[in-house]
N, C-alpha and C. Protein backbone atom coordinates (compact mmCIF):
# COMPACT_ATOMS: atom_id res chain seq x y z
N UNK A 1 70.98 62.52 94.04
CA UNK A 1 72.27 62.15 93.59
C UNK A 1 73.08 63.43 93.39
N UNK A 2 74.22 63.47 94.08
CA UNK A 2 75.09 64.62 94.02
C UNK A 2 76.16 64.45 92.89
N UNK A 3 76.63 65.54 92.46
CA UNK A 3 77.63 65.57 91.42
C UNK A 3 79.01 65.54 92.08
N UNK A 4 79.84 64.62 91.70
CA UNK A 4 81.20 64.58 92.37
C UNK A 4 82.23 65.00 91.34
N UNK A 5 83.21 65.75 91.75
CA UNK A 5 84.27 66.14 90.88
C UNK A 5 85.51 65.31 91.16
N UNK A 6 86.21 64.97 90.11
CA UNK A 6 87.47 64.30 90.28
C UNK A 6 88.56 65.39 90.62
N UNK A 7 89.20 65.24 91.71
CA UNK A 7 90.24 66.20 92.11
C UNK A 7 91.60 65.72 91.72
N UNK A 8 92.40 66.63 91.23
CA UNK A 8 93.74 66.25 90.79
C UNK A 8 94.76 67.12 91.61
N UNK A 9 95.70 66.42 92.24
CA UNK A 9 96.73 67.18 92.99
C UNK A 9 97.60 67.97 92.01
N UNK A 10 97.90 69.18 92.41
CA UNK A 10 98.75 70.06 91.62
C UNK A 10 99.88 70.63 92.49
N UNK A 11 101.01 70.74 91.96
CA UNK A 11 102.19 71.30 92.67
C UNK A 11 102.42 72.72 92.18
N UNK A 12 102.57 73.63 93.14
CA UNK A 12 102.83 75.03 92.84
C UNK A 12 104.15 75.36 93.54
N UNK A 13 105.08 75.91 92.81
CA UNK A 13 106.35 76.34 93.36
C UNK A 13 106.32 77.85 93.67
N UNK A 14 106.51 78.17 94.91
CA UNK A 14 106.46 79.51 95.38
C UNK A 14 107.64 79.83 96.26
N UNK A 15 108.08 81.07 96.31
CA UNK A 15 109.04 81.51 97.24
C UNK A 15 108.50 81.26 98.66
N UNK A 16 109.32 80.71 99.52
CA UNK A 16 108.95 80.36 100.90
C UNK A 16 108.35 81.54 101.64
N UNK A 17 109.05 82.66 101.53
CA UNK A 17 108.53 83.84 102.24
C UNK A 17 107.17 84.37 101.75
N UNK A 18 107.06 84.35 100.38
CA UNK A 18 105.83 84.77 99.81
C UNK A 18 104.61 83.91 100.21
N UNK A 19 104.87 82.59 100.25
CA UNK A 19 103.78 81.67 100.61
C UNK A 19 103.43 81.96 102.12
N UNK A 20 104.48 82.10 102.93
CA UNK A 20 104.21 82.31 104.35
C UNK A 20 103.36 83.57 104.57
N UNK A 21 103.64 84.64 103.84
CA UNK A 21 102.85 85.88 103.93
C UNK A 21 101.45 85.61 103.48
N UNK A 22 101.26 84.87 102.36
CA UNK A 22 99.92 84.59 101.86
C UNK A 22 99.15 83.75 102.83
N UNK A 23 99.77 82.75 103.37
CA UNK A 23 99.05 81.83 104.37
C UNK A 23 98.64 82.61 105.58
N UNK A 24 99.54 83.55 106.05
CA UNK A 24 99.21 84.40 107.18
C UNK A 24 97.88 85.24 106.86
N UNK A 25 97.81 85.87 105.72
CA UNK A 25 96.63 86.66 105.36
C UNK A 25 95.44 85.78 105.28
N UNK A 26 95.63 84.61 104.63
CA UNK A 26 94.47 83.73 104.38
C UNK A 26 93.96 83.20 105.72
N UNK A 27 94.87 82.90 106.64
CA UNK A 27 94.43 82.47 107.98
C UNK A 27 93.55 83.50 108.64
N UNK A 28 93.88 84.72 108.55
CA UNK A 28 93.08 85.85 109.12
C UNK A 28 91.71 85.91 108.47
N UNK A 29 91.58 85.46 107.22
CA UNK A 29 90.36 85.47 106.48
C UNK A 29 89.57 84.15 106.69
N UNK A 30 90.18 83.26 107.40
CA UNK A 30 89.50 81.96 107.63
C UNK A 30 89.61 80.99 106.45
N UNK A 31 90.61 81.19 105.60
CA UNK A 31 90.80 80.35 104.41
C UNK A 31 92.13 79.70 104.47
N UNK A 32 92.27 78.54 103.82
CA UNK A 32 93.54 77.95 103.65
C UNK A 32 94.07 78.16 102.23
N UNK A 33 95.30 77.88 101.99
CA UNK A 33 95.93 78.16 100.66
C UNK A 33 95.27 77.43 99.59
N UNK A 34 94.88 76.15 99.78
CA UNK A 34 94.33 75.37 98.74
C UNK A 34 92.92 75.97 98.35
N UNK A 35 92.12 76.37 99.33
CA UNK A 35 90.84 76.98 99.02
C UNK A 35 91.04 78.25 98.20
N UNK A 36 92.04 79.02 98.57
CA UNK A 36 92.30 80.27 97.82
C UNK A 36 92.63 79.92 96.35
N UNK A 37 93.53 78.98 96.11
CA UNK A 37 93.94 78.64 94.76
C UNK A 37 92.73 78.14 93.99
N UNK A 38 91.88 77.33 94.62
CA UNK A 38 90.65 76.84 93.96
C UNK A 38 89.68 78.03 93.62
N UNK A 39 89.51 78.93 94.59
CA UNK A 39 88.62 80.09 94.31
C UNK A 39 89.18 80.97 93.17
N UNK A 40 90.48 81.26 93.23
CA UNK A 40 91.10 82.07 92.17
C UNK A 40 90.98 81.41 90.78
N UNK A 41 91.17 80.11 90.72
CA UNK A 41 91.09 79.38 89.48
C UNK A 41 89.66 79.35 88.95
N UNK A 42 88.70 79.11 89.82
CA UNK A 42 87.26 79.18 89.39
C UNK A 42 86.91 80.51 88.83
N UNK A 43 87.32 81.58 89.49
CA UNK A 43 87.05 82.91 89.01
C UNK A 43 87.72 83.24 87.64
N UNK A 44 88.96 82.72 87.50
CA UNK A 44 89.62 82.79 86.25
C UNK A 44 88.82 82.20 85.09
N UNK A 45 88.24 81.01 85.38
CA UNK A 45 87.50 80.31 84.35
C UNK A 45 86.13 81.03 84.15
N UNK A 46 85.43 81.41 85.22
CA UNK A 46 84.15 82.06 85.14
C UNK A 46 84.22 83.42 84.42
N UNK A 47 85.23 84.20 84.75
CA UNK A 47 85.30 85.59 84.24
C UNK A 47 86.12 85.65 82.97
N UNK A 48 86.86 84.58 82.60
CA UNK A 48 87.72 84.56 81.43
C UNK A 48 88.72 85.67 81.43
N UNK A 49 89.18 86.00 82.61
CA UNK A 49 90.18 87.08 82.73
C UNK A 49 90.83 86.88 84.23
N UNK A 50 91.94 87.58 84.47
CA UNK A 50 92.43 87.50 85.82
C UNK A 50 91.44 88.02 86.79
N UNK A 51 91.18 87.37 87.87
CA UNK A 51 90.17 87.85 88.83
C UNK A 51 90.65 88.94 89.77
N UNK A 52 91.70 89.59 89.38
CA UNK A 52 92.23 90.65 90.20
C UNK A 52 93.02 91.60 89.30
N UNK A 53 93.32 92.78 89.77
CA UNK A 53 94.08 93.74 88.96
C UNK A 53 95.61 93.57 89.32
N UNK A 54 96.42 93.15 88.42
CA UNK A 54 97.84 93.05 88.68
C UNK A 54 98.46 94.41 88.94
N UNK A 55 99.18 94.61 89.99
CA UNK A 55 99.72 95.84 90.36
C UNK A 55 101.28 95.68 90.52
N UNK A 56 102.02 96.70 90.23
CA UNK A 56 103.45 96.70 90.45
C UNK A 56 103.66 96.99 91.95
N UNK A 57 104.70 96.39 92.49
CA UNK A 57 105.01 96.72 93.89
C UNK A 57 105.37 98.20 94.00
N UNK A 58 105.10 98.79 95.20
CA UNK A 58 105.49 100.22 95.34
C UNK A 58 106.95 100.39 95.15
N UNK A 59 107.34 101.50 94.52
CA UNK A 59 108.74 101.78 94.33
C UNK A 59 109.32 102.24 95.60
N UNK A 60 110.51 101.76 95.93
CA UNK A 60 111.22 102.19 97.13
C UNK A 60 112.42 103.01 96.63
N UNK A 61 112.42 104.33 96.96
CA UNK A 61 113.46 105.17 96.47
C UNK A 61 114.87 104.77 96.95
N UNK A 62 115.87 104.92 96.06
CA UNK A 62 117.24 104.65 96.46
C UNK A 62 117.73 105.72 97.36
N UNK A 63 118.87 105.64 97.98
CA UNK A 63 119.43 106.62 98.81
C UNK A 63 119.67 107.92 97.97
N UNK A 64 120.16 107.75 96.76
CA UNK A 64 120.32 108.92 95.85
C UNK A 64 119.03 109.71 95.62
N UNK A 65 117.93 108.91 95.40
CA UNK A 65 116.64 109.57 95.19
C UNK A 65 116.15 110.27 96.46
N UNK A 66 116.34 109.66 97.58
CA UNK A 66 115.96 110.30 98.87
C UNK A 66 116.66 111.64 99.00
N UNK A 67 117.96 111.61 98.71
CA UNK A 67 118.76 112.86 98.86
C UNK A 67 118.23 113.91 97.92
N UNK A 68 117.94 113.54 96.66
CA UNK A 68 117.47 114.50 95.67
C UNK A 68 116.11 115.06 96.09
N UNK A 69 115.22 114.19 96.66
CA UNK A 69 113.83 114.61 97.09
C UNK A 69 114.00 115.58 98.25
N UNK A 70 114.94 115.26 99.23
CA UNK A 70 115.14 116.16 100.36
C UNK A 70 115.73 117.50 99.91
N UNK A 71 116.59 117.52 98.95
CA UNK A 71 117.14 118.73 98.44
C UNK A 71 116.08 119.56 97.74
N UNK A 72 115.25 118.94 96.93
CA UNK A 72 114.19 119.60 96.24
C UNK A 72 113.19 120.24 97.22
N UNK A 73 112.83 119.49 98.26
CA UNK A 73 111.95 119.97 99.29
C UNK A 73 112.53 121.13 100.04
N UNK A 74 113.83 121.05 100.39
CA UNK A 74 114.49 122.13 101.00
C UNK A 74 114.53 123.38 100.23
N UNK A 75 114.75 123.24 98.91
CA UNK A 75 114.66 124.44 98.07
C UNK A 75 113.27 124.99 97.95
N UNK A 76 112.31 124.10 97.87
CA UNK A 76 110.92 124.50 97.74
C UNK A 76 110.50 125.36 98.97
N UNK A 77 110.91 124.94 100.17
CA UNK A 77 110.51 125.67 101.39
C UNK A 77 111.54 126.77 101.78
N UNK A 78 112.54 126.97 100.94
CA UNK A 78 113.50 128.05 101.19
C UNK A 78 114.61 127.72 102.22
N UNK A 79 114.69 126.47 102.68
CA UNK A 79 115.71 126.13 103.63
C UNK A 79 117.13 126.00 102.94
N UNK A 80 117.12 125.74 101.68
CA UNK A 80 118.34 125.66 100.89
C UNK A 80 118.22 126.64 99.75
N UNK A 81 119.25 127.48 99.46
CA UNK A 81 119.16 128.40 98.36
C UNK A 81 119.01 127.67 97.04
N UNK A 82 118.07 128.15 96.21
CA UNK A 82 117.83 127.52 94.91
C UNK A 82 118.67 128.28 93.90
N UNK A 83 119.85 127.70 93.48
CA UNK A 83 120.75 128.35 92.60
C UNK A 83 120.54 127.84 91.14
N UNK A 84 119.46 127.12 90.91
CA UNK A 84 119.19 126.61 89.57
C UNK A 84 118.85 127.79 88.64
N UNK A 85 119.32 127.77 87.40
CA UNK A 85 118.96 128.85 86.49
C UNK A 85 117.41 128.78 86.12
N UNK A 86 116.88 129.98 85.89
CA UNK A 86 115.51 130.07 85.47
C UNK A 86 115.52 130.74 84.06
N UNK A 87 114.47 130.42 83.32
CA UNK A 87 114.33 130.96 81.95
C UNK A 87 112.95 131.50 81.74
N UNK A 88 112.87 132.58 80.96
CA UNK A 88 111.55 133.19 80.69
C UNK A 88 111.05 132.89 79.32
N UNK A 89 111.91 132.21 78.56
CA UNK A 89 111.45 131.82 77.22
C UNK A 89 112.27 130.60 76.74
N UNK A 90 111.78 129.97 75.67
CA UNK A 90 112.50 128.83 75.17
C UNK A 90 113.79 129.31 74.51
N UNK A 91 113.83 130.47 74.00
CA UNK A 91 115.06 131.03 73.37
C UNK A 91 116.10 131.17 74.47
N UNK A 92 115.76 131.67 75.65
CA UNK A 92 116.70 131.80 76.75
C UNK A 92 117.24 130.44 77.11
N UNK A 93 116.34 129.47 77.20
CA UNK A 93 116.79 128.09 77.54
C UNK A 93 117.74 127.58 76.51
N UNK A 94 117.43 127.70 75.25
CA UNK A 94 118.30 127.21 74.17
C UNK A 94 119.61 127.92 74.23
N UNK A 95 119.65 129.20 74.47
CA UNK A 95 120.93 129.91 74.48
C UNK A 95 121.79 129.40 75.67
N UNK A 96 121.11 129.12 76.77
CA UNK A 96 121.84 128.53 77.93
C UNK A 96 122.45 127.12 77.59
N UNK A 97 121.66 126.32 76.99
CA UNK A 97 122.09 124.95 76.63
C UNK A 97 123.21 124.98 75.57
N UNK A 98 123.18 126.00 74.65
CA UNK A 98 124.12 126.01 73.59
C UNK A 98 125.43 126.81 73.93
N UNK A 99 125.54 127.28 75.14
CA UNK A 99 126.74 128.11 75.50
C UNK A 99 127.97 127.27 75.51
N UNK A 100 129.07 127.84 75.47
CA UNK A 100 130.39 127.09 75.52
C UNK A 100 130.70 126.55 76.87
């Protein structure tokens, strides 16, 4: 005698593009979306925690940041003169900051 589980339909609302990307990856793994959701849910219950490490998406620098990074690299390699002030002590720095 086998044990049967009662299955309940569940609706999940996802961004269309996000789901398409997920389905594409799952297809390559030989899984369908429903199987993945079931697997992830079972692991959540078994492990009593998220079955994966939540990560932030990689930061994409703005145009302003790209320009600043290019300038810093140019100064680092001597392509652009580095006219930033330098200080040999905290007192020098403070004097510079407190000037008129």
